[in-house]
């Protein structure tokens, strides 16, 4: 087996390449929140570009962006107003149910105290 400088360099180079790829993947894993935020930002920009382009035919682009954002905010606010009564009823019913459940759990404890030992 020949131990020339080229023969000993190759495994070392492969090890360095593998170590570099491991470092890249570790860095990507540590930056996953930032990368996800960037991806979502690009996704939202692409989705909003269609209505902005359509509205920019009749008004300045900045005005179209503001109009799309105001409409989106209005739709989210309306959705909140529509969902609020249902969520409130659900919360109240869960609170009542949890009180009933606590009473059911408390009764056997009282009975156990009365049992003769």
PDB file of N, CA and C in Angstrom:
ATOM      1  N   UNK A   1       0.831  -1.173   0.000  1.00  0.00           N
ATOM      2  CA  UNK A   1       0.000   0.000   0.000  1.00  0.00           C
ATOM      3  C   UNK A   1       0.876   1.237   0.000  1.00  0.00           C
ATOM      4  N   UNK A   2       0.624   2.108  -0.918  1.00  0.00           N
ATOM      5  CA  UNK A   2       1.453   3.290  -1.125  1.00  0.00           C
ATOM      6  C   UNK A   2       0.911   4.449  -0.294  1.00  0.00           C
ATOM      7  N   UNK A   3       1.779   5.083   0.486  1.00  0.00           N
ATOM      8  CA  UNK A   3       1.386   6.241   1.296  1.00  0.00           C
ATOM      9  C   UNK A   3       1.992   7.513   0.733  1.00  0.00           C
ATOM     10  N   UNK A   4       1.560   7.870  -0.460  1.00  0.00           N
ATOM     11  CA  UNK A   4       2.028   9.113  -1.058  1.00  0.00           C
ATOM     12  C   UNK A   4       1.221  10.261  -0.469  1.00  0.00           C
ATOM     13  N   UNK A   5       1.719  11.475  -0.606  1.00  0.00           N
ATOM     14  CA  UNK A   5       0.965  12.609  -0.070  1.00  0.00           C
ATOM     15  C   UNK A   5      -0.441  12.713  -0.650  1.00  0.00           C
ATOM     16  N   UNK A   6      -0.633  12.345  -1.927  1.00  0.00           N
ATOM     17  CA  UNK A   6      -1.965  12.408  -2.519  1.00  0.00           C
ATOM     18  C   UNK A   6      -2.885  11.366  -1.912  1.00  0.00           C
ATOM     19  N   UNK A   7      -2.360  10.197  -1.567  1.00  0.00           N
ATOM     20  CA  UNK A   7      -3.186   9.134  -0.996  1.00  0.00           C
ATOM     21  C   UNK A   7      -3.614   9.471   0.427  1.00  0.00           C
ATOM     22  N   UNK A   8      -2.803  10.197   1.166  1.00  0.00           N
ATOM     23  CA  UNK A   8      -3.188  10.553   2.534  1.00  0.00           C
ATOM     24  C   UNK A   8      -4.057  11.796   2.573  1.00  0.00           C
ATOM     25  N   UNK A   9      -3.993  12.620   1.515  1.00  0.00           N
ATOM     26  CA  UNK A   9      -4.786  13.838   1.487  1.00  0.00           C
ATOM     27  C   UNK A   9      -6.262  13.577   1.214  1.00  0.00           C
ATOM     28  N   UNK A  10      -6.583  12.585   0.443  1.00  0.00           N
ATOM     29  CA  UNK A  10      -7.958  12.341   0.028  1.00  0.00           C
ATOM     30  C   UNK A  10      -8.893  12.041   1.203  1.00  0.00           C
ATOM     31  N   UNK A  11      -8.572  11.108   2.107  1.00  0.00           N
ATOM     32  CA  UNK A  11      -9.481  10.888   3.252  1.00  0.00           C
ATOM     33  C   UNK A  11      -9.631  12.132   4.126  1.00  0.00           C
ATOM     34  N   UNK A  12      -8.542  12.891   4.260  1.00  0.00           N
ATOM     35  CA  UNK A  12      -8.606  14.117   5.045  1.00  0.00           C
ATOM     36  C   UNK A  12      -9.560  15.116   4.400  1.00  0.00           C
ATOM     37  N   UNK A  13      -9.508  15.242   3.070  1.00  0.00           N
ATOM     38  CA  UNK A  13     -10.382  16.155   2.346  1.00  0.00           C
ATOM     39  C   UNK A  13     -11.839  15.722   2.475  1.00  0.00           C
ATOM     40  N   UNK A  14     -12.097  14.429   2.356  1.00  0.00           N
ATOM     41  CA  UNK A  14     -13.460  13.918   2.498  1.00  0.00           C
ATOM     42  C   UNK A  14     -13.993  14.209   3.901  1.00  0.00           C
ATOM     43  N   UNK A  15     -13.161  14.036   4.902  1.00  0.00           N
ATOM     44  CA  UNK A  15     -13.563  14.342   6.270  1.00  0.00           C
ATOM     45  C   UNK A  15     -13.890  15.812   6.452  1.00  0.00           C
ATOM     46  N   UNK A  16     -13.065  16.678   5.857  1.00  0.00           N
ATOM     47  CA  UNK A  16     -13.342  18.116   5.950  1.00  0.00           C
ATOM     48  C   UNK A  16     -14.641  18.493   5.244  1.00  0.00           C
ATOM     49  N   UNK A  17     -14.898  17.900   4.090  1.00  0.00           N
ATOM     50  CA  UNK A  17     -16.138  18.187   3.365  1.00  0.00           C
ATOM     51  C   UNK A  17     -17.343  17.747   4.196  1.00  0.00           C
ATOM     52  N   UNK A  18     -17.269  16.557   4.776  1.00  0.00           N
ATOM     53  CA  UNK A  18     -18.371  16.074   5.619  1.00  0.00           C
ATOM     54  C   UNK A  18     -18.568  16.965   6.837  1.00  0.00           C
ATOM     55  N   UNK A  19     -17.463  17.399   7.434  1.00  0.00           N
ATOM     56  CA  UNK A  19     -17.550  18.294   8.588  1.00  0.00           C
ATOM     57  C   UNK A  19     -18.159  19.642   8.190  1.00  0.00           C
ATOM     58  N   UNK A  20     -17.800  20.138   7.014  1.00  0.00           N
ATOM     59  CA  UNK A  20     -18.363  21.405   6.543  1.00  0.00           C
ATOM     60  C   UNK A  20     -19.863  21.273   6.304  1.00  0.00           C
ATOM     61  N   UNK A  21     -20.292  20.170   5.693  1.00  0.00           N
ATOM     62  CA  UNK A  21     -21.729  19.971   5.475  1.00  0.00           C
ATOM     63  C   UNK A  21     -22.477  19.843   6.802  1.00  0.00           C
ATOM     64  N   UNK A  22     -21.878  19.176   7.775  1.00  0.00           N
ATOM     65  CA  UNK A  22     -22.512  19.060   9.091  1.00  0.00           C
ATOM     66  C   UNK A  22     -22.655  20.439   9.734  1.00  0.00           C
ATOM     67  N   UNK A  23     -21.634  21.289   9.566  1.00  0.00           N
ATOM     68  CA  UNK A  23     -21.708  22.644  10.123  1.00  0.00           C
ATOM     69  C   UNK A  23     -22.790  23.459   9.418  1.00  0.00           C
ATOM     70  N   UNK A  24     -22.919  23.296   8.100  1.00  0.00           N
ATOM     71  CA  UNK A  24     -23.958  24.020   7.362  1.00  0.00           C
ATOM     72  C   UNK A  24     -25.342  23.605   7.839  1.00  0.00           C
ATOM     73  N   UNK A  25     -25.556  22.304   7.972  1.00  0.00           N
ATOM     74  CA  UNK A  25     -26.867  21.822   8.434  1.00  0.00           C
ATOM     75  C   UNK A  25     -27.146  22.241   9.872  1.00  0.00           C
ATOM     76  N   UNK A  26     -26.122  22.256  10.721  1.00  0.00           N
ATOM     77  CA  UNK A  26     -26.314  22.710  12.104  1.00  0.00           C
ATOM     78  C   UNK A  26     -26.681  24.195  12.124  1.00  0.00           C
ATOM     79  N   UNK A  27     -26.030  24.990  11.289  1.00  0.00           N
ATOM     80  CA  UNK A  27     -26.371  26.421  11.210  1.00  0.00           C
ATOM     81  C   UNK A  27     -27.776  26.649  10.704  1.00  0.00           C
ATOM     82  N   UNK A  28     -28.170  25.874   9.703  1.00  0.00           N
ATOM     83  CA  UNK A  28     -29.547  25.992   9.205  1.00  0.00           C
ATOM     84  C   UNK A  28     -30.547  25.597  10.282  1.00  0.00           C
ATOM     85  N   UNK A  29     -30.221  24.578  11.058  1.00  0.00           N
ATOM     86  CA  UNK A  29     -31.125  24.140  12.117  1.00  0.00           C
ATOM     87  C   UNK A  29     -31.257  25.219  13.191  1.00  0.00           C
ATOM     88  N   UNK A  30     -30.152  25.872  13.520  1.00  0.00           N
ATOM     89  CA  UNK A  30     -30.208  26.925  14.533  1.00  0.00           C
ATOM     90  C   UNK A  30     -30.951  28.162  14.030  1.00  0.00           C
ATOM     91  N   UNK A  31     -30.929  28.393  12.732  1.00  0.00           N
ATOM     92  CA  UNK A  31     -31.586  29.573  12.160  1.00  0.00           C
ATOM     93  C   UNK A  31     -32.952  29.232  11.576  1.00  0.00           C
ATOM     94  N   UNK A  32     -33.555  28.138  11.996  1.00  0.00           N
ATOM     95  CA  UNK A  32     -34.798  27.699  11.362  1.00  0.00           C
ATOM     96  C   UNK A  32     -35.948  28.682  11.581  1.00  0.00           C
ATOM     97  N   UNK A  33     -36.000  29.359  12.727  1.00  0.00           N
ATOM     98  CA  UNK A  33     -37.078  30.323  12.952  1.00  0.00           C
ATOM     99  C   UNK A  33     -36.957  31.508  11.993  1.00  0.00           C
ATOM    100  N   UNK A  34     -35.744  31.989  11.801  1.00  0.00           N
ATOM    101  CA  UNK A  34     -35.519  33.116  10.904  1.00  0.00           C
ATOM    102  C   UNK A  34     -35.820  32.702   9.467  1.00  0.00           C
ATOM    103  N   UNK A  35     -35.388  31.506   9.097  1.00  0.00           N
ATOM    104  CA  UNK A  35     -35.654  31.024   7.741  1.00  0.00           C
ATOM    105  C   UNK A  35     -37.152  30.835   7.501  1.00  0.00           C
ATOM    106  N   UNK A  36     -37.851  30.311   8.497  1.00  0.00           N
ATOM    107  CA  UNK A  36     -39.295  30.145   8.364  1.00  0.00           C
ATOM    108  C   UNK A  36     -39.994  31.495   8.252  1.00  0.00           C
ATOM    109  N   UNK A  37     -39.551  32.454   9.029  1.00  0.00           N
ATOM    110  CA  UNK A  37     -40.136  33.789   8.955  1.00  0.00           C
ATOM    111  C   UNK A  37     -39.901  34.409   7.583  1.00  0.00           C
ATOM    112  N   UNK A  38     -38.692  34.242   7.051  1.00  0.00           N
ATOM    113  CA  UNK A  38     -38.406  34.749   5.709  1.00  0.00           C
ATOM    114  C   UNK A  38     -39.244  34.062   4.648  1.00  0.00           C
ATOM    115  N   UNK A  39     -39.395  32.741   4.774  1.00  0.00           N
ATOM    116  CA  UNK A  39     -40.205  32.000   3.812  1.00  0.00           C
ATOM    117  C   UNK A  39     -41.658  32.463   3.852  1.00  0.00           C
ATOM    118  N   UNK A  40     -42.198  32.635   5.048  1.00  0.00           N
ATOM    119  CA  UNK A  40     -43.579  33.107   5.163  1.00  0.00           C
ATOM    120  C   UNK A  40     -43.732  34.520   4.628  1.00  0.00           C
ATOM    121  N   UNK A  41     -42.723  35.364   4.832  1.00  0.00           N
ATOM    122  CA  UNK A  41     -42.778  36.716   4.287  1.00  0.00           C
ATOM    123  C   UNK A  41     -42.823  36.719   2.764  1.00  0.00           C
ATOM    124  N   UNK A  42     -41.998  35.879   2.144  1.00  0.00           N
ATOM    125  CA  UNK A  42     -42.006  35.787   0.689  1.00  0.00           C
ATOM    126  C   UNK A  42     -43.340  35.223   0.204  1.00  0.00           C
ATOM    127  N   UNK A  43     -43.855  34.217   0.908  1.00  0.00           N
ATOM    128  CA  UNK A  43     -45.130  33.617   0.529  1.00  0.00           C
ATOM    129  C   UNK A  43     -46.268  34.640   0.597  1.00  0.00           C
ATOM    130  N   UNK A  44     -46.317  35.418   1.656  1.00  0.00           N
ATOM    131  CA  UNK A  44     -47.358  36.437   1.799  1.00  0.00           C
ATOM    132  C   UNK A  44     -47.194  37.515   0.725  1.00  0.00           C
ATOM    133  N   UNK A  45     -45.952  37.885   0.432  1.00  0.00           N
ATOM    134  CA  UNK A  45     -45.720  38.897  -0.603  1.00  0.00           C
ATOM    135  C   UNK A  45     -46.192  38.410  -1.965  1.00  0.00           C
ATOM    136  N   UNK A  46     -45.960  37.139  -2.263  1.00  0.00           N
ATOM    137  CA  UNK A  46     -46.400  36.601  -3.553  1.00  0.00           C
ATOM    138  C   UNK A  46     -47.920  36.565  -3.624  1.00  0.00           C
ATOM    139  N   UNK A  47     -48.557  36.155  -2.535  1.00  0.00           N
ATOM    140  CA  UNK A  47     -50.022  36.081  -2.530  1.00  0.00           C
ATOM    141  C   UNK A  47     -50.632  37.474  -2.658  1.00  0.00           C
ATOM    142  N   UNK A  48     -50.067  38.466  -1.979  1.00  0.00           N
ATOM    143  CA  UNK A  48     -50.621  39.818  -2.034  1.00  0.00           C
ATOM    144  C   UNK A  48     -50.239  40.559  -3.301  1.00  0.00           C
ATOM    145  N   UNK A  49     -49.268  40.057  -4.045  1.00  0.00           N
ATOM    146  CA  UNK A  49     -48.867  40.776  -5.251  1.00  0.00           C
ATOM    147  C   UNK A  49     -49.961  40.743  -6.318  1.00  0.00           C
ATOM    148  N   UNK A  50     -50.775  39.708  -6.335  1.00  0.00           N
ATOM    149  CA  UNK A  50     -51.822  39.623  -7.354  1.00  0.00           C
ATOM    150  C   UNK A  50     -52.899  40.691  -7.172  1.00  0.00           C
ATOM    151  N   UNK A  51     -53.506  40.844  -5.998  1.00  0.00           N
ATOM    152  CA  UNK A  51     -54.493  41.925  -5.874  1.00  0.00           C
ATOM    153  C   UNK A  51     -53.867  43.319  -5.988  1.00  0.00           C
ATOM    154  N   UNK A  52     -52.619  43.470  -5.537  1.00  0.00           N
ATOM    155  CA  UNK A  52     -51.964  44.777  -5.653  1.00  0.00           C
ATOM    156  C   UNK A  52     -51.722  45.104  -7.123  1.00  0.00           C
ATOM    157  N   UNK A  53     -51.266  44.127  -7.902  1.00  0.00           N
ATOM    158  CA  UNK A  53     -51.063  44.373  -9.337  1.00  0.00           C
ATOM    159  C   UNK A  53     -52.377  44.720 -10.031  1.00  0.00           C
ATOM    160  N   UNK A  54     -53.433  44.032  -9.655  1.00  0.00           N
ATOM    161  CA  UNK A  54     -54.735  44.289 -10.274  1.00  0.00           C
ATOM    162  C   UNK A  54     -55.233  45.692  -9.932  1.00  0.00           C
ATOM    163  N   UNK A  55     -55.084  46.075  -8.656  1.00  0.00           N
ATOM    164  CA  UNK A  55     -55.538  47.413  -8.245  1.00  0.00           C
ATOM    165  C   UNK A  55     -54.629  48.521  -8.770  1.00  0.00           C
ATOM    166  N   UNK A  56     -53.368  48.202  -9.018  1.00  0.00           N
ATOM    167  CA  UNK A  56     -52.443  49.242  -9.474  1.00  0.00           C
ATOM    168  C   UNK A  56     -52.719  49.677 -10.911  1.00  0.00           C
ATOM    169  N   UNK A  57     -53.628  48.994 -11.588  1.00  0.00           N
ATOM    170  CA  UNK A  57     -54.033  49.455 -12.916  1.00  0.00           C
ATOM    171  C   UNK A  57     -54.834  50.751 -12.822  1.00  0.00           C
ATOM    172  N   UNK A  58     -55.565  50.931 -11.735  1.00  0.00           N
ATOM    173  CA  UNK A  58     -56.460  52.078 -11.594  1.00  0.00           C
ATOM    174  C   UNK A  58     -55.982  53.103 -10.570  1.00  0.00           C
ATOM    175  N   UNK A  59     -54.980  52.771  -9.766  1.00  0.00           N
ATOM    176  CA  UNK A  59     -54.498  53.706  -8.745  1.00  0.00           C
ATOM    177  C   UNK A  59     -52.996  53.517  -8.566  1.00  0.00           C
ATOM    178  N   UNK A  60     -52.339  54.430  -7.893  1.00  0.00           N
ATOM    179  CA  UNK A  60     -50.899  54.260  -7.639  1.00  0.00           C
ATOM    180  C   UNK A  60     -50.632  52.989  -6.803  1.00  0.00           C
ATOM    181  N   UNK A  61     -49.471  52.407  -7.014  1.00  0.00           N
ATOM    182  CA  UNK A  61     -49.143  51.127  -6.374  1.00  0.00           C
ATOM    183  C   UNK A  61     -49.152  51.223  -4.846  1.00  0.00           C
ATOM    184  N   UNK A  62     -48.637  52.312  -4.307  1.00  0.00           N
ATOM    185  CA  UNK A  62     -48.635  52.486  -2.852  1.00  0.00           C
ATOM    186  C   UNK A  62     -50.042  52.510  -2.277  1.00  0.00           C
ATOM    187  N   UNK A  63     -50.929  53.174  -2.992  1.00  0.00           N
ATOM    188  CA  UNK A  63     -52.329  53.223  -2.562  1.00  0.00           C
ATOM    189  C   UNK A  63     -52.955  51.838  -2.642  1.00  0.00           C
ATOM    190  N   UNK A  64     -52.601  51.075  -3.666  1.00  0.00           N
ATOM    191  CA  UNK A  64     -53.129  49.726  -3.806  1.00  0.00           C
ATOM    192  C   UNK A  64     -52.657  48.839  -2.657  1.00  0.00           C
ATOM    193  N   UNK A  65     -51.386  48.979  -2.266  1.00  0.00           N
ATOM    194  CA  UNK A  65     -50.861  48.197  -1.135  1.00  0.00           C
ATOM    195  C   UNK A  65     -51.612  48.550   0.137  1.00  0.00           C
ATOM    196  N   UNK A  66     -51.797  49.835   0.388  1.00  0.00           N
ATOM    197  CA  UNK A  66     -52.527  50.256   1.588  1.00  0.00           C
ATOM    198  C   UNK A  66     -53.967  49.741   1.569  1.00  0.00           C
ATOM    199  N   UNK A  67     -54.613  49.803   0.425  1.00  0.00           N
ATOM    200  CA  UNK A  67     -55.985  49.326   0.322  1.00  0.00           C
ATOM    201  C   UNK A  67     -56.073  47.828   0.605  1.00  0.00           C
ATOM    202  N   UNK A  68     -55.138  47.048   0.069  1.00  0.00           N
ATOM    203  CA  UNK A  68     -55.142  45.599   0.318  1.00  0.00           C
ATOM    204  C   UNK A  68     -54.913  45.316   1.802  1.00  0.00           C
ATOM    205  N   UNK A  69     -54.000  46.046   2.431  1.00  0.00           N
ATOM    206  CA  UNK A  69     -53.742  45.829   3.856  1.00  0.00           C
ATOM    207  C   UNK A  69     -54.940  46.236   4.717  1.00  0.00           C
ATOM    208  N   UNK A  70     -55.589  47.340   4.367  1.00  0.00           N
ATOM    209  CA  UNK A  70     -56.775  47.768   5.117  1.00  0.00           C
ATOM    210  C   UNK A  70     -57.905  46.755   4.952  1.00  0.00           C
ATOM    211  N   UNK A  71     -58.095  46.258   3.732  1.00  0.00           N
ATOM    212  CA  UNK A  71     -59.128  45.242   3.519  1.00  0.00           C
ATOM    213  C   UNK A  71     -58.827  43.962   4.290  1.00  0.00           C
ATOM    214  N   UNK A  72     -57.559  43.561   4.306  1.00  0.00           N
ATOM    215  CA  UNK A  72     -57.188  42.367   5.067  1.00  0.00           C
ATOM    216  C   UNK A  72     -57.435  42.566   6.559  1.00  0.00           C
ATOM    217  N   UNK A  73     -57.049  43.733   7.071  1.00  0.00           N
ATOM    218  CA  UNK A  73     -57.302  44.029   8.487  1.00  0.00           C
ATOM    219  C   UNK A  73     -58.784  44.055   8.804  1.00  0.00           C
ATOM    220  N   UNK A  74     -59.579  44.612   7.907  1.00  0.00           N
ATOM    221  CA  UNK A  74     -61.032  44.639   8.114  1.00  0.00           C
ATOM    222  C   UNK A  74     -61.629  43.243   8.103  1.00  0.00           C
ATOM    223  N   UNK A  75     -61.149  42.400   7.191  1.00  0.00           N
ATOM    224  CA  UNK A  75     -61.679  41.025   7.149  1.00  0.00           C
ATOM    225  C   UNK A  75     -61.302  40.259   8.415  1.00  0.00           C
ATOM    226  N   UNK A  76     -60.073  40.438   8.901  1.00  0.00           N
ATOM    227  CA  UNK A  76     -59.665  39.745  10.132  1.00  0.00           C
ATOM    228  C   UNK A  76     -60.453  40.263  11.339  1.00  0.00           C
ATOM    229  N   UNK A  77     -60.716  41.569  11.371  1.00  0.00           N
ATOM    230  CA  UNK A  77     -61.520  42.132  12.458  1.00  0.00           C
ATOM    231  C   UNK A  77     -62.945  41.600  12.414  1.00  0.00           C
ATOM    232  N   UNK A  78     -63.538  41.540  11.227  1.00  0.00           N
ATOM    233  CA  UNK A  78     -64.895  40.996  11.101  1.00  0.00           C
ATOM    234  C   UNK A  78     -64.933  39.529  11.508  1.00  0.00           C
ATOM    235  N   UNK A  79     -63.907  38.780  11.146  1.00  0.00           N
ATOM    236  CA  UNK A  79     -63.845  37.377  11.553  1.00  0.00           C
ATOM    237  C   UNK A  79     -63.761  37.255  13.069  1.00  0.00           C
ATOM    238  N   UNK A  80     -62.996  38.147  13.685  1.00  0.00           N
ATOM    239  CA  UNK A  80     -62.909  38.151  15.149  1.00  0.00           C
ATOM    240  C   UNK A  80     -64.239  38.471  15.801  1.00  0.00           C
ATOM    241  N   UNK A  81     -64.957  39.459  15.265  1.00  0.00           N
ATOM    242  CA  UNK A  81     -66.270  39.801  15.817  1.00  0.00           C
ATOM    243  C   UNK A  81     -67.273  38.665  15.624  1.00  0.00           C
ATOM    244  N   UNK A  82     -67.174  37.948  14.519  1.00  0.00           N
ATOM    245  CA  UNK A  82     -68.084  36.825  14.293  1.00  0.00           C
ATOM    246  C   UNK A  82     -67.754  35.629  15.187  1.00  0.00           C
ATOM    247  N   UNK A  83     -66.481  35.425  15.459  1.00  0.00           N
ATOM    248  CA  UNK A  83     -66.071  34.262  16.244  1.00  0.00           C
ATOM    249  C   UNK A  83     -66.135  34.505  17.751  1.00  0.00           C
ATOM    250  N   UNK A  84     -66.112  35.756  18.185  1.00  0.00           N
ATOM    251  CA  UNK A  84     -66.050  36.063  19.614  1.00  0.00           C
ATOM    252  C   UNK A  84     -67.231  35.503  20.406  1.00  0.00           C
ATOM    253  N   UNK A  85     -68.486  35.651  19.969  1.00  0.00           N
ATOM    254  CA  UNK A  85     -69.587  35.099  20.774  1.00  0.00           C
ATOM    255  C   UNK A  85     -69.499  33.578  20.925  1.00  0.00           C
ATOM    256  N   UNK A  86     -69.122  32.892  19.866  1.00  0.00           N
ATOM    257  CA  UNK A  86     -69.009  31.433  19.944  1.00  0.00           C
ATOM    258  C   UNK A  86     -67.906  31.044  20.912  1.00  0.00           C
ATOM    259  N   UNK A  87     -66.769  31.720  20.831  1.00  0.00           N
ATOM    260  CA  UNK A  87     -65.663  31.405  21.738  1.00  0.00           C
ATOM    261  C   UNK A  87     -66.027  31.714  23.185  1.00  0.00           C
ATOM    262  N   UNK A  88     -66.798  32.795  23.391  1.00  0.00           N
ATOM    263  CA  UNK A  88     -67.202  33.144  24.750  1.00  0.00           C
ATOM    264  C   UNK A  88     -68.153  32.084  25.307  1.00  0.00           C
ATOM    265  N   UNK A  89     -69.124  31.644  24.477  1.00  0.00           N
ATOM    266  CA  UNK A  89     -70.040  30.597  24.945  1.00  0.00           C
ATOM    267  C   UNK A  89     -69.280  29.322  25.278  1.00  0.00           C
ATOM    268  N   UNK A  90     -68.317  28.969  24.459  1.00  0.00           N
ATOM    269  CA  UNK A  90     -67.544  27.757  24.707  1.00  0.00           C
ATOM    270  C   UNK A  90     -66.759  27.871  26.010  1.00  0.00           C
ATOM    271  N   UNK A  91     -66.164  29.038  26.253  1.00  0.00           N
ATOM    272  CA  UNK A  91     -65.384  29.214  27.470  1.00  0.00           C
ATOM    273  C   UNK A  91     -66.282  29.129  28.701  1.00  0.00           C
ATOM    274  N   UNK A  92     -67.454  29.766  28.638  1.00  0.00           N
ATOM    275  CA  UNK A  92     -68.376  29.729  29.776  1.00  0.00           C
ATOM    276  C   UNK A  92     -68.848  28.305  30.028  1.00  0.00           C
ATOM    277  N   UNK A  93     -69.167  27.571  28.977  1.00  0.00           N
ATOM    278  CA  UNK A  93     -69.628  26.200  29.172  1.00  0.00           C
ATOM    279  C   UNK A  93     -68.509  25.321  29.718  1.00  0.00           C
ATOM    280  N   UNK A  94     -67.274  25.562  29.301  1.00  0.00           N
ATOM    281  CA  UNK A  94     -66.161  24.783  29.848  1.00  0.00           C
ATOM    282  C   UNK A  94     -65.942  25.107  31.318  1.00  0.00           C
ATOM    283  N   UNK A  95     -66.114  26.390  31.697  1.00  0.00           N
ATOM    284  CA  UNK A  95     -65.954  26.758  33.106  1.00  0.00           C
ATOM    285  C   UNK A  95     -67.042  26.100  33.953  1.00  0.00           C
ATOM    286  N   UNK A  96     -68.259  26.094  33.454  1.00  0.00           N
ATOM    287  CA  UNK A  96     -69.337  25.440  34.193  1.00  0.00           C
ATOM    288  C   UNK A  96     -69.086  23.944  34.292  1.00  0.00           C
ATOM    289  N   UNK A  97     -68.626  23.358  33.204  1.00  0.00           N
ATOM    290  CA  UNK A  97     -68.335  21.932  33.206  1.00  0.00           C
ATOM    291  C   UNK A  97     -67.210  21.584  34.153  1.00  0.00           C
ATOM    292  N   UNK A  98     -66.218  22.444  34.272  1.00  0.00           N
ATOM    293  CA  UNK A  98     -65.112  22.144  35.176  1.00  0.00           C
ATOM    294  C   UNK A  98     -65.565  22.254  36.620  1.00  0.00           C
ATOM    295  N   UNK A  99     -66.513  23.172  36.936  1.00  0.00           N
ATOM    296  CA  UNK A  99     -67.034  23.244  38.298  1.00  0.00           C
ATOM    297  C   UNK A  99     -67.830  21.993  38.634  1.00  0.00           C
ATOM    298  N   UNK A 100     -68.639  21.543  37.688  1.00  0.00           N
ATOM    299  CA  UNK A 100     -69.406  20.325  37.915  1.00  0.00           C
ATOM    300  C   UNK A 100     -68.460  19.157  38.132  1.00  0.00           C
ATOM    301  N   UNK A 101     -67.401  19.084  37.341  1.00  0.00           N
ATOM    302  CA  UNK A 101     -66.434  18.008  37.488  1.00  0.00           C
ATOM    303  C   UNK A 101     -65.743  18.047  38.840  1.00  0.00           C
ATOM    304  N   UNK A 102     -65.438  19.243  39.336  1.00  0.00           N
ATOM    305  CA  UNK A 102     -64.797  19.344  40.648  1.00  0.00           C
ATOM    306  C   UNK A 102     -65.756  18.892  41.741  1.00  0.00           C
ATOM    307  N   UNK A 103     -67.044  19.238  41.615  1.00  0.00           N
ATOM    308  CA  UNK A 103     -68.012  18.803  42.615  1.00  0.00           C
ATOM    309  C   UNK A 103     -68.134  17.286  42.618  1.00  0.00           C
ATOM    310  N   UNK A 104     -68.139  16.678  41.455  1.00  0.00           N
ATOM    311  CA  UNK A 104     -68.221  15.222  41.382  1.00  0.00           C
ATOM    312  C   UNK A 104     -67.010  14.570  42.020  1.00  0.00           C
ATOM    313  N   UNK A 105     -65.836  15.185  41.856  1.00  0.00           N
ATOM    314  CA  UNK A 105     -64.634  14.617  42.456  1.00  0.00           C
ATOM    315  C   UNK A 105     -64.597  14.853  43.960  1.00  0.00           C
ATOM    316  N   UNK A 106     -65.210  15.938  44.417  1.00  0.00           N
ATOM    317  CA  UNK A 106     -65.163  16.252  45.845  1.00  0.00           C
ATOM    318  C   UNK A 106     -66.101  15.346  46.636  1.00  0.00           C
ATOM    319  N   UNK A 107     -67.206  14.901  46.066  1.00  0.00           N
ATOM    320  CA  UNK A 107     -68.160  14.064  46.797  1.00  0.00           C
ATOM    321  C   UNK A 107     -67.558  12.754  47.282  1.00  0.00           C
ATOM    322  N   UNK A 108     -66.857  12.008  46.451  1.00  0.00           N
ATOM    323  CA  UNK A 108     -66.295  10.763  46.984  1.00  0.00           C
ATOM    324  C   UNK A 108     -65.301  11.000  48.105  1.00  0.00           C
ATOM    325  N   UNK A 109     -64.611  12.111  48.107  1.00  0.00           N
ATOM    326  CA  UNK A 109     -63.690  12.385  49.206  1.00  0.00           C
ATOM    327  C   UNK A 109     -64.454  12.545  50.513  1.00  0.00           C
ATOM    328  N   UNK A 110     -65.599  13.215  50.460  1.00  0.00           N
ATOM    329  CA  UNK A 110     -66.400  13.380  51.673  1.00  0.00           C
ATOM    330  C   UNK A 110     -66.886  12.022  52.171  1.00  0.00           C
ATOM    331  N   UNK A 111     -67.282  11.182  51.253  1.00  0.00           N
ATOM    332  CA  UNK A 111     -67.757   9.850  51.642  1.00  0.00           C
ATOM    333  C   UNK A 111     -66.631   9.053  52.275  1.00  0.00           C
ATOM    334  N   UNK A 112     -65.432   9.174  51.744  1.00  0.00           N
ATOM    335  CA  UNK A 112     -64.330   8.410  52.295  1.00  0.00           C
ATOM    336  C   UNK A 112     -64.043   8.828  53.722  1.00  0.00           C
ATOM    337  N   UNK A 113     -64.235  10.098  54.039  1.00  0.00           N
ATOM    338  CA  UNK A 113     -63.971  10.552  55.396  1.00  0.00           C
ATOM    339  C   UNK A 113     -64.975   9.936  56.380  1.00  0.00           C
ATOM    340  N   UNK A 114     -66.168   9.603  55.906  1.00  0.00           N
ATOM    341  CA  UNK A 114     -67.202   9.053  56.776  1.00  0.00           C
ATOM    342  C   UNK A 114     -67.032   7.550  56.999  1.00  0.00           C
ATOM    343  N   UNK A 115     -66.284   6.877  56.163  1.00  0.00           N
ATOM    344  CA  UNK A 115     -66.141   5.422  56.297  1.00  0.00           C
ATOM    345  C   UNK A 115     -65.418   5.085  57.613  1.00  0.00           C
ATOM    346  N   UNK A 116     -65.884   4.047  58.223  1.00  0.00           N
ATOM    347  CA  UNK A 116     -65.181   3.642  59.462  1.00  0.00           C
ATOM    348  C   UNK A 116     -63.812   3.049  59.123  1.00  0.00           C
ATOM    349  N   UNK A 117     -62.911   3.237  60.004  1.00  0.00           N
ATOM    350  CA  UNK A 117     -61.548   2.712  59.780  1.00  0.00           C
ATOM    351  C   UNK A 117     -61.276   1.544  60.654  1.00  0.00           C
TER     352      UNK A 117
END
